[in-house]
Amino acid sequence: MRKHISYYTKGMENSSVVRNYINSITNKDELIKALTEYFN
């Protein structure tokens, strides 16, 4: 799933910071929270 998230966020504002953070997440709920915050 991480590679899909990286693909869809590529080129977006602050996407490298978000991708680095997402790649360090180990729990699904934290991942959902991070994505929700980024896309809202």
PDB file of N, CA and C in Angstrom:
ATOM      1  N   MET A   1       0.826  -1.187   0.000  1.00  0.00           N
ATOM      2  CA  MET A   1       0.000   0.000   0.000  1.00  0.00           C
ATOM      3  C   MET A   1       0.873   1.256   0.000  1.00  0.00           C
ATOM      4  N   ARG A   2       2.016   1.208   0.645  1.00  0.00           N
ATOM      5  CA  ARG A   2       2.858   2.401   0.724  1.00  0.00           C
ATOM      6  C   ARG A   2       3.303   2.896  -0.643  1.00  0.00           C
ATOM      7  N   LYS A   3       3.620   1.959  -1.542  1.00  0.00           N
ATOM      8  CA  LYS A   3       4.064   2.399  -2.858  1.00  0.00           C
ATOM      9  C   LYS A   3       2.930   3.063  -3.629  1.00  0.00           C
ATOM     10  N   HIS A   4       1.696   2.657  -3.382  1.00  0.00           N
ATOM     11  CA  HIS A   4       0.553   3.298  -4.032  1.00  0.00           C
ATOM     12  C   HIS A   4       0.366   4.712  -3.497  1.00  0.00           C
ATOM     13  N   ILE A   5       0.504   4.875  -2.202  1.00  0.00           N
ATOM     14  CA  ILE A   5       0.377   6.199  -1.592  1.00  0.00           C
ATOM     15  C   ILE A   5       1.476   7.115  -2.126  1.00  0.00           C
ATOM     16  N   SER A   6       2.677   6.590  -2.230  1.00  0.00           N
ATOM     17  CA  SER A   6       3.793   7.384  -2.770  1.00  0.00           C
ATOM     18  C   SER A   6       3.511   7.826  -4.195  1.00  0.00           C
ATOM     19  N   TYR A   7       2.959   6.930  -4.995  1.00  0.00           N
ATOM     20  CA  TYR A   7       2.641   7.249  -6.380  1.00  0.00           C
ATOM     21  C   TYR A   7       1.594   8.362  -6.458  1.00  0.00           C
ATOM     22  N   TYR A   8       0.535   8.250  -5.692  1.00  0.00           N
ATOM     23  CA  TYR A   8      -0.564   9.218  -5.768  1.00  0.00           C
ATOM     24  C   TYR A   8      -0.215  10.573  -5.167  1.00  0.00           C
ATOM     25  N   THR A   9       0.743  10.620  -4.263  1.00  0.00           N
ATOM     26  CA  THR A   9       1.104  11.906  -3.667  1.00  0.00           C
ATOM     27  C   THR A   9       2.286  12.569  -4.360  1.00  0.00           C
ATOM     28  N   LYS A  10       2.927  11.882  -5.282  1.00  0.00           N
ATOM     29  CA  LYS A  10       4.098  12.426  -5.965  1.00  0.00           C
ATOM     30  C   LYS A  10       3.739  13.730  -6.674  1.00  0.00           C
ATOM     31  N   GLY A  11       4.532  14.751  -6.431  1.00  0.00           N
ATOM     32  CA  GLY A  11       4.315  16.041  -7.066  1.00  0.00           C
ATOM     33  C   GLY A  11       3.390  16.981  -6.302  1.00  0.00           C
ATOM     34  N   MET A  12       2.758  16.488  -5.255  1.00  0.00           N
ATOM     35  CA  MET A  12       1.874  17.334  -4.452  1.00  0.00           C
ATOM     36  C   MET A  12       2.705  18.116  -3.430  1.00  0.00           C
ATOM     37  N   GLU A  13       2.126  19.166  -2.910  1.00  0.00           N
ATOM     38  CA  GLU A  13       2.805  20.016  -1.938  1.00  0.00           C
ATOM     39  C   GLU A  13       3.200  19.206  -0.700  1.00  0.00           C
ATOM     40  N   ASN A  14       4.447  19.341  -0.285  1.00  0.00           N
ATOM     41  CA  ASN A  14       5.009  18.660   0.891  1.00  0.00           C
ATOM     42  C   ASN A  14       4.917  17.134   0.811  1.00  0.00           C
ATOM     43  N   SER A  15       4.821  16.605  -0.387  1.00  0.00           N
ATOM     44  CA  SER A  15       4.631  15.159  -0.525  1.00  0.00           C
ATOM     45  C   SER A  15       5.831  14.359  -0.041  1.00  0.00           C
ATOM     46  N   SER A  16       7.037  14.879  -0.196  1.00  0.00           N
ATOM     47  CA  SER A  16       8.206  14.110   0.258  1.00  0.00           C
ATOM     48  C   SER A  16       8.208  13.948   1.771  1.00  0.00           C
ATOM     49  N   VAL A  17       7.771  14.971   2.486  1.00  0.00           N
ATOM     50  CA  VAL A  17       7.686  14.889   3.945  1.00  0.00           C
ATOM     51  C   VAL A  17       6.627  13.857   4.339  1.00  0.00           C
ATOM     52  N   VAL A  18       5.498  13.909   3.672  1.00  0.00           N
ATOM     53  CA  VAL A  18       4.410  12.976   3.958  1.00  0.00           C
ATOM     54  C   VAL A  18       4.836  11.547   3.633  1.00  0.00           C
ATOM     55  N   ARG A  19       5.476  11.348   2.493  1.00  0.00           N
ATOM     56  CA  ARG A  19       5.918  10.002   2.119  1.00  0.00           C
ATOM     57  C   ARG A  19       6.920   9.449   3.121  1.00  0.00           C
ATOM     58  N   ASN A  20       7.845  10.263   3.555  1.00  0.00           N
ATOM     59  CA  ASN A  20       8.814   9.806   4.562  1.00  0.00           C
ATOM     60  C   ASN A  20       8.118   9.415   5.854  1.00  0.00           C
ATOM     61  N   TYR A  21       7.151  10.201   6.263  1.00  0.00           N
ATOM     62  CA  TYR A  21       6.417   9.896   7.494  1.00  0.00           C
ATOM     63  C   TYR A  21       5.598   8.610   7.322  1.00  0.00           C
ATOM     64  N   ILE A  22       4.904   8.488   6.211  1.00  0.00           N
ATOM     65  CA  ILE A  22       4.076   7.309   5.964  1.00  0.00           C
ATOM     66  C   ILE A  22       4.919   6.037   5.942  1.00  0.00           C
ATOM     67  N   ASN A  23       6.111   6.129   5.398  1.00  0.00           N
ATOM     68  CA  ASN A  23       6.985   4.954   5.347  1.00  0.00           C
ATOM     69  C   ASN A  23       7.490   4.541   6.720  1.00  0.00           C
ATOM     70  N   SER A  24       7.376   5.400   7.704  1.00  0.00           N
ATOM     71  CA  SER A  24       7.821   5.049   9.059  1.00  0.00           C
ATOM     72  C   SER A  24       6.676   4.560   9.951  1.00  0.00           C
ATOM     73  N   ILE A  25       5.449   4.675   9.478  1.00  0.00           N
ATOM     74  CA  ILE A  25       4.278   4.270  10.257  1.00  0.00           C
ATOM     75  C   ILE A  25       4.176   2.749  10.292  1.00  0.00           C
ATOM     76  N   THR A  26       3.823   2.222  11.466  1.00  0.00           N
ATOM     77  CA  THR A  26       3.713   0.767  11.611  1.00  0.00           C
ATOM     78  C   THR A  26       2.298   0.304  11.913  1.00  0.00           C
ATOM     79  N   ASN A  27       1.364   1.223  12.075  1.00  0.00           N
ATOM     80  CA  ASN A  27       0.017   0.822  12.456  1.00  0.00           C
ATOM     81  C   ASN A  27      -1.015   1.464  11.522  1.00  0.00           C
ATOM     82  N   LYS A  28      -2.032   0.694  11.171  1.00  0.00           N
ATOM     83  CA  LYS A  28      -3.021   1.100  10.169  1.00  0.00           C
ATOM     84  C   LYS A  28      -3.792   2.350  10.582  1.00  0.00           C
ATOM     85  N   ASP A  29      -4.173   2.452  11.844  1.00  0.00           N
ATOM     86  CA  ASP A  29      -4.948   3.614  12.300  1.00  0.00           C
ATOM     87  C   ASP A  29      -4.145   4.901  12.176  1.00  0.00           C
ATOM     88  N   GLU A  30      -2.862   4.825  12.467  1.00  0.00           N
ATOM     89  CA  GLU A  30      -1.998   6.000  12.341  1.00  0.00           C
ATOM     90  C   GLU A  30      -1.851   6.398  10.871  1.00  0.00           C
ATOM     91  N   LEU A  31      -1.790   5.414   9.989  1.00  0.00           N
ATOM     92  CA  LEU A  31      -1.704   5.676   8.558  1.00  0.00           C
ATOM     93  C   LEU A  31      -2.958   6.390   8.062  1.00  0.00           C
ATOM     94  N   ILE A  32      -4.108   5.896   8.464  1.00  0.00           N
ATOM     95  CA  ILE A  32      -5.375   6.522   8.056  1.00  0.00           C
ATOM     96  C   ILE A  32      -5.456   7.952   8.580  1.00  0.00           C
ATOM     97  N   LYS A  33      -5.049   8.173   9.803  1.00  0.00           N
ATOM     98  CA  LYS A  33      -5.068   9.520  10.380  1.00  0.00           C
ATOM     99  C   LYS A  33      -4.145  10.453   9.608  1.00  0.00           C
ATOM    100  N   ALA A  34      -2.943   9.985   9.288  1.00  0.00           N
ATOM    101  CA  ALA A  34      -1.975  10.812   8.545  1.00  0.00           C
ATOM    102  C   ALA A  34      -2.510  11.184   7.165  1.00  0.00           C
ATOM    103  N   LEU A  35      -3.100  10.226   6.478  1.00  0.00           N
ATOM    104  CA  LEU A  35      -3.644  10.504   5.151  1.00  0.00           C
ATOM    105  C   LEU A  35      -4.835  11.447   5.200  1.00  0.00           C
ATOM    106  N   THR A  36      -5.684  11.263   6.193  1.00  0.00           N
ATOM    107  CA  THR A  36      -6.834  12.146   6.355  1.00  0.00           C
ATOM    108  C   THR A  36      -6.390  13.577   6.600  1.00  0.00           C
ATOM    109  N   GLU A  37      -5.406  13.753   7.444  1.00  0.00           N
ATOM    110  CA  GLU A  37      -4.898  15.105   7.731  1.00  0.00           C
ATOM    111  C   GLU A  37      -4.254  15.723   6.499  1.00  0.00           C
ATOM    112  N   TYR A  38      -3.537  14.922   5.735  1.00  0.00           N
ATOM    113  CA  TYR A  38      -2.838  15.452   4.557  1.00  0.00           C
ATOM    114  C   TYR A  38      -3.814  15.888   3.468  1.00  0.00           C
ATOM    115  N   PHE A  39      -4.840  15.081   3.229  1.00  0.00           N
ATOM    116  CA  PHE A  39      -5.756  15.378   2.132  1.00  0.00           C
ATOM    117  C   PHE A  39      -6.875  16.335   2.512  1.00  0.00           C
ATOM    118  N   ASN A  40      -7.005  16.686   3.764  1.00  0.00           N
ATOM    119  CA  ASN A  40      -8.044  17.648   4.165  1.00  0.00           C
ATOM    120  C   ASN A  40      -7.511  19.021   4.300  1.00  0.00           C
TER     121      ASN A  40
END
